[in-house]
């Protein structure tokens, strides 16, 4: 009998991290309108704030790497929109 792979619980730090990764993948700028960029920047900053509430040291090594990568991605995207204004 095949054994199901355990999924991290949403209330666990790893589960919360997985949810943030999924939410990050859902941020879209389909028409490249200024309002969409503003909304995306707000989403990225909110996700970054929520990511900061996850104690990185409570994660396994792989999830710590994912935490770092997600943080860098969110900071980069917000910087590109807010500071570099790549959409203008």
C-alpha atoms as a PDB file:
ATOM      1  CA  UNK A   1       0.000   0.000   0.000  1.00  0.00           C
ATOM      2  CA  UNK A   2       1.386   3.413  -0.972  1.00  0.00           C
ATOM      3  CA  UNK A   3       2.010   5.804   1.861  1.00  0.00           C
ATOM      4  CA  UNK A   4       0.931   9.428   1.489  1.00  0.00           C
ATOM      5  CA  UNK A   5       3.597  12.076   1.869  1.00  0.00           C
ATOM      6  CA  UNK A   6       2.997  14.162   4.970  1.00  0.00           C
ATOM      7  CA  UNK A   7       2.020  17.734   4.207  1.00  0.00           C
ATOM      8  CA  UNK A   8       3.048  20.474   6.639  1.00  0.00           C
ATOM      9  CA  UNK A   9       0.175  21.689   8.781  1.00  0.00           C
ATOM     10  CA  UNK A  10      -0.849  25.271   8.059  1.00  0.00           C
ATOM     11  CA  UNK A  11      -0.403  26.238  11.711  1.00  0.00           C
ATOM     12  CA  UNK A  12       3.175  24.950  11.732  1.00  0.00           C
ATOM     13  CA  UNK A  13       5.964  27.307  10.638  1.00  0.00           C
ATOM     14  CA  UNK A  14       6.637  25.115   7.592  1.00  0.00           C
ATOM     15  CA  UNK A  15       2.937  25.098   6.721  1.00  0.00           C
ATOM     16  CA  UNK A  16       2.688  28.855   7.024  1.00  0.00           C
ATOM     17  CA  UNK A  17       5.767  29.209   4.813  1.00  0.00           C
ATOM     18  CA  UNK A  18       4.200  26.938   2.198  1.00  0.00           C
ATOM     19  CA  UNK A  19       1.026  29.060   2.253  1.00  0.00           C
ATOM     20  CA  UNK A  20       3.065  32.231   1.700  1.00  0.00           C
ATOM     21  CA  UNK A  21       4.860  30.647  -1.252  1.00  0.00           C
ATOM     22  CA  UNK A  22       1.492  29.755  -2.772  1.00  0.00           C
ATOM     23  CA  UNK A  23       0.112  33.247  -2.165  1.00  0.00           C
ATOM     24  CA  UNK A  24       3.220  34.794  -3.722  1.00  0.00           C
ATOM     25  CA  UNK A  25       2.704  32.724  -6.860  1.00  0.00           C
ATOM     26  CA  UNK A  26      -0.823  34.131  -7.137  1.00  0.00           C
ATOM     27  CA  UNK A  27       0.252  37.793  -7.316  1.00  0.00           C
ATOM     28  CA  UNK A  28      -0.372  38.856 -10.907  1.00  0.00           C
ATOM     29  CA  UNK A  29      -0.077  42.000 -13.001  1.00  0.00           C
ATOM     30  CA  UNK A  30      -2.078  40.899 -16.069  1.00  0.00           C
ATOM     31  CA  UNK A  31      -2.620  44.194 -17.892  1.00  0.00           C
ATOM     32  CA  UNK A  32       0.360  46.093 -16.498  1.00  0.00           C
ATOM     33  CA  UNK A  33      -1.868  48.909 -15.270  1.00  0.00           C
ATOM     34  CA  UNK A  34      -0.429  51.243 -12.633  1.00  0.00           C
ATOM     35  CA  UNK A  35      -3.134  50.155 -10.189  1.00  0.00           C
ATOM     36  CA  UNK A  36      -2.084  46.524 -10.619  1.00  0.00           C
ATOM     37  CA  UNK A  37       1.528  47.386  -9.853  1.00  0.00           C
ATOM     38  CA  UNK A  38       0.413  49.264  -6.728  1.00  0.00           C
ATOM     39  CA  UNK A  39      -1.687  46.305  -5.620  1.00  0.00           C
ATOM     40  CA  UNK A  40       1.175  43.885  -6.301  1.00  0.00           C
ATOM     41  CA  UNK A  41       3.606  46.009  -4.315  1.00  0.00           C
ATOM     42  CA  UNK A  42       1.159  46.096  -1.417  1.00  0.00           C
ATOM     43  CA  UNK A  43       0.767  42.320  -1.624  1.00  0.00           C
ATOM     44  CA  UNK A  44       4.521  41.751  -1.695  1.00  0.00           C
ATOM     45  CA  UNK A  45       5.028  43.987   1.338  1.00  0.00           C
ATOM     46  CA  UNK A  46       2.217  42.250   3.239  1.00  0.00           C
ATOM     47  CA  UNK A  47       3.669  38.842   2.392  1.00  0.00           C
ATOM     48  CA  UNK A  48       7.104  40.017   3.527  1.00  0.00           C
ATOM     49  CA  UNK A  49       5.633  41.263   6.812  1.00  0.00           C
ATOM     50  CA  UNK A  50       3.914  37.903   7.347  1.00  0.00           C
ATOM     51  CA  UNK A  51       7.078  36.015   6.412  1.00  0.00           C
ATOM     52  CA  UNK A  52       8.951  37.922   9.124  1.00  0.00           C
ATOM     53  CA  UNK A  53       6.604  36.406  11.723  1.00  0.00           C
ATOM     54  CA  UNK A  54       7.880  32.912  10.931  1.00  0.00           C
ATOM     55  CA  UNK A  55      10.820  31.991  13.158  1.00  0.00           C
ATOM     56  CA  UNK A  56      13.406  30.904  10.605  1.00  0.00           C
ATOM     57  CA  UNK A  57      15.285  28.839  13.204  1.00  0.00           C
ATOM     58  CA  UNK A  58      12.185  26.686  13.778  1.00  0.00           C
ATOM     59  CA  UNK A  59      12.313  25.490  10.166  1.00  0.00           C
ATOM     60  CA  UNK A  60      14.238  22.584   8.726  1.00  0.00           C
ATOM     61  CA  UNK A  61      17.248  23.374   6.560  1.00  0.00           C
ATOM     62  CA  UNK A  62      15.373  23.139   3.247  1.00  0.00           C
ATOM     63  CA  UNK A  63      12.614  25.391   4.535  1.00  0.00           C
ATOM     64  CA  UNK A  64      15.194  27.865   5.862  1.00  0.00           C
ATOM     65  CA  UNK A  65      16.559  28.132   2.317  1.00  0.00           C
ATOM     66  CA  UNK A  66      13.013  28.581   0.998  1.00  0.00           C
ATOM     67  CA  UNK A  67      12.421  31.279   3.637  1.00  0.00           C
ATOM     68  CA  UNK A  68      15.549  33.140   2.507  1.00  0.00           C
ATOM     69  CA  UNK A  69      14.679  32.802  -1.178  1.00  0.00           C
ATOM     70  CA  UNK A  70      11.113  33.985  -0.631  1.00  0.00           C
ATOM     71  CA  UNK A  71      12.317  36.955   1.401  1.00  0.00           C
ATOM     72  CA  UNK A  72      14.779  37.945  -1.320  1.00  0.00           C
ATOM     73  CA  UNK A  73      12.122  37.530  -4.027  1.00  0.00           C
ATOM     74  CA  UNK A  74       9.555  39.651  -2.182  1.00  0.00           C
ATOM     75  CA  UNK A  75      12.062  42.389  -1.368  1.00  0.00           C
ATOM     76  CA  UNK A  76      13.278  42.442  -4.976  1.00  0.00           C
ATOM     77  CA  UNK A  77       9.808  42.644  -6.489  1.00  0.00           C
ATOM     78  CA  UNK A  78       8.742  45.443  -4.119  1.00  0.00           C
ATOM     79  CA  UNK A  79      11.987  47.314  -4.844  1.00  0.00           C
ATOM     80  CA  UNK A  80      11.524  46.958  -8.604  1.00  0.00           C
ATOM     81  CA  UNK A  81       8.021  48.402  -8.401  1.00  0.00           C
ATOM     82  CA  UNK A  82       8.488  51.049  -5.715  1.00  0.00           C
ATOM     83  CA  UNK A  83      12.029  52.297  -6.286  1.00  0.00           C
ATOM     84  CA  UNK A  84      13.076  51.364  -9.787  1.00  0.00           C
ATOM     85  CA  UNK A  85       9.565  51.884 -11.149  1.00  0.00           C
ATOM     86  CA  UNK A  86      10.182  49.291 -13.857  1.00  0.00           C
ATOM     87  CA  UNK A  87       6.568  49.678 -14.980  1.00  0.00           C
ATOM     88  CA  UNK A  88       6.949  53.334 -15.979  1.00  0.00           C
END
